[in-house]
Amino acid sequence: MSAQRQDRIRYEGNDYGLAAAPLEPYFAARPELRPKFRTFDTGCMRGYIARWEIRGERLYLTGMDMVCETDATFASLFPEAGGEGIFASWVGGDLVCPRGKLLKYDHAGFGGQTESELILSLENGVLKSVRTKNNTPKQSPQP
């Protein structure tokens, strides 16, 4: 399998990749709502790329690029979303946004380790904390 394409998230006016699939728990809890997605290729086995945005400390699902075996659209899956998106109350835990150069490639998951990560911690769709993790190896002092 290839590294998976990342969902996209907008936070504080910046766009980031998202090394997570926060829509999956939604569909796991509501399997009857999950359309028959077709994979784009081995780099998108879930069959969609979701778009997210944090506004006023709340996470919203704002759109999806998908290939389905049905006529499903974002509007048909989430009719309550309107033009603003849907509040993602089902999302909890850390959302990791890779940043900087790729340090180590991994074909499993979302592509490997980058220089740093922006970590957005959420509880029931509400942003609780933000932190940055530095993954750059520390240099030993030269004698």
Protein backbone atom coordinates (compact mmCIF):
# COMPACT_ATOMS: atom_id res chain seq x y z
CA MET A 1 0.00 0.00 0.00
CA SER A 2 1.09 3.59 -0.59
CA ALA A 3 1.12 6.43 1.90
CA GLN A 4 -2.42 7.81 2.09
CA ARG A 5 -3.43 11.22 0.81
CA GLN A 6 -4.15 13.58 3.62
CA ASP A 7 -7.38 15.34 4.41
CA ARG A 8 -7.03 19.14 4.44
CA ILE A 9 -7.62 21.44 7.42
CA ARG A 10 -7.71 25.23 7.67
CA TYR A 11 -6.60 26.71 10.98
CA GLU A 12 -5.89 30.37 11.73
CA GLY A 13 -5.85 31.22 8.02
CA ASN A 14 -3.37 28.47 7.09
CA ASP A 15 -4.01 25.25 5.18
CA TYR A 16 -2.43 22.02 6.41
CA GLY A 17 -2.45 18.36 5.55
CA LEU A 18 -4.02 16.17 8.19
CA ALA A 19 -2.37 12.86 9.13
CA ALA A 20 -5.67 11.44 10.35
CA ALA A 21 -9.08 10.48 9.02
CA PRO A 22 -11.54 12.06 11.50
CA LEU A 23 -14.54 11.23 9.32
CA GLU A 24 -14.01 7.48 9.78
CA PRO A 25 -15.48 7.33 13.35
CA TYR A 26 -18.59 9.11 12.03
CA PHE A 27 -19.13 6.42 9.38
CA ALA A 28 -18.18 3.61 11.80
CA ALA A 29 -21.00 4.73 14.14
CA ARG A 30 -23.43 5.14 11.20
CA PRO A 31 -22.53 2.44 8.66
CA GLU A 32 -25.87 2.83 6.88
CA LEU A 33 -24.86 6.39 5.90
CA ARG A 34 -21.50 5.44 4.38
CA PRO A 35 -21.72 5.42 0.59
CA LYS A 36 -19.81 2.88 -1.48
CA PHE A 37 -16.65 4.87 -2.03
CA ARG A 38 -14.31 3.75 -4.79
CA THR A 39 -10.63 4.19 -4.20
CA PHE A 40 -8.90 6.92 -6.20
CA ASP A 41 -5.79 4.77 -6.23
CA THR A 42 -3.65 2.97 -3.66
CA GLY A 43 -2.85 6.40 -2.18
CA CYS A 44 -6.48 6.98 -1.17
CA MET A 45 -7.96 3.71 -0.03
CA ARG A 46 -10.78 5.38 1.92
CA GLY A 47 -12.13 6.84 -1.36
CA TYR A 48 -12.38 10.47 -0.27
CA ILE A 49 -10.41 13.46 0.93
CA ALA A 50 -12.27 15.56 3.47
CA ARG A 51 -11.91 19.30 4.01
CA TRP A 52 -12.02 20.69 7.56
CA GLU A 53 -11.84 24.08 9.21
CA ILE A 54 -11.49 25.28 12.78
CA ARG A 55 -13.63 28.36 13.38
CA GLY A 56 -14.16 29.86 16.80
CA GLU A 57 -12.55 26.85 18.53
CA ARG A 58 -14.96 24.44 16.78
CA LEU A 59 -14.10 21.90 14.07
CA TYR A 60 -16.28 21.84 10.94
CA LEU A 61 -16.37 19.39 8.08
CA THR A 62 -16.70 21.72 5.09
CA GLY A 63 -16.51 19.44 2.06
CA MET A 64 -15.29 16.24 0.47
CA ASP A 65 -13.68 15.14 -2.76
CA MET A 66 -14.91 11.62 -3.37
CA VAL A 67 -15.60 8.93 -5.90
CA CYS A 68 -18.72 6.88 -5.18
CA GLU A 69 -20.55 4.00 -6.81
CA THR A 70 -23.74 5.91 -6.02
CA ASP A 71 -24.89 9.48 -6.64
CA ALA A 72 -23.80 10.55 -3.15
CA THR A 73 -22.56 14.10 -2.74
CA PHE A 74 -21.41 16.07 0.27
CA ALA A 75 -24.82 17.80 0.30
CA SER A 76 -26.69 14.47 0.21
CA LEU A 77 -24.52 12.97 2.98
CA PHE A 78 -24.73 16.08 5.18
CA PRO A 79 -27.86 18.05 4.19
CA GLU A 80 -27.68 20.03 7.43
CA ALA A 81 -24.25 21.41 6.48
CA GLY A 82 -25.46 24.19 4.21
CA GLY A 83 -22.66 26.42 2.97
CA GLU A 84 -20.90 26.59 6.33
CA GLY A 85 -20.15 22.90 6.90
CA ILE A 86 -21.19 20.61 9.72
CA PHE A 87 -19.94 20.84 13.30
CA ALA A 88 -17.82 17.72 13.85
CA SER A 89 -18.95 16.86 17.39
CA TRP A 90 -17.82 13.23 16.97
CA VAL A 91 -14.13 14.19 16.72
CA GLY A 92 -11.93 13.83 19.78
CA GLY A 93 -8.24 13.34 20.42
CA ASP A 94 -5.23 14.73 18.59
CA LEU A 95 -5.26 15.81 14.96
CA VAL A 96 -1.72 15.91 13.61
CA CYS A 97 -0.73 18.36 10.87
CA PRO A 98 2.69 17.53 9.42
CA ARG A 99 4.91 20.54 8.65
CA GLY A 100 8.28 21.07 7.03
CA LYS A 101 10.50 18.69 5.12
CA LEU A 102 9.95 14.95 5.13
CA LEU A 103 12.57 13.35 7.39
CA LYS A 104 11.53 9.72 7.07
CA TYR A 105 9.16 8.23 4.50
CA ASP A 106 6.75 5.50 5.53
CA HIS A 107 4.46 3.99 2.92
CA ALA A 108 2.00 2.96 5.65
CA GLY A 109 -0.28 5.58 7.16
CA PHE A 110 0.02 9.17 6.01
CA GLY A 111 3.56 9.34 4.69
CA GLY A 112 6.08 9.44 7.49
CA GLN A 113 7.76 11.92 9.78
CA THR A 114 8.25 15.59 8.98
CA GLU A 115 10.40 18.26 10.66
CA SER A 116 7.54 19.29 12.93
CA GLU A 117 3.88 18.68 13.63
CA LEU A 118 1.11 21.00 14.66
CA ILE A 119 -1.05 19.02 17.08
CA LEU A 120 -4.65 20.12 17.57
CA SER A 121 -6.28 18.46 20.59
CA LEU A 122 -10.06 18.26 20.44
CA GLU A 123 -12.87 17.05 22.64
CA ASN A 124 -16.32 16.57 21.08
CA GLY A 125 -15.28 18.76 18.16
CA VAL A 126 -14.04 21.64 20.35
CA LEU A 127 -10.40 22.72 20.27
CA LYS A 128 -8.86 22.33 23.74
CA SER A 129 -5.17 22.90 23.09
CA VAL A 130 -2.58 23.42 20.37
CA ARG A 131 1.06 22.42 20.53
CA THR A 132 3.99 21.98 18.18
CA LYS A 133 6.22 18.93 18.20
CA ASN A 134 9.74 19.26 16.80
CA ASN A 135 10.94 16.06 15.10
CA THR A 136 14.30 17.38 13.87
CA PRO A 137 17.15 15.33 15.35
CA LYS A 138 19.25 17.27 17.85
CA GLN A 139 22.82 17.84 16.80
CA SER A 140 25.56 16.79 19.20
CA PRO A 141 27.83 19.65 20.23
CA GLN A 142 31.08 19.66 18.31
CA PRO A 143 34.27 19.40 20.42
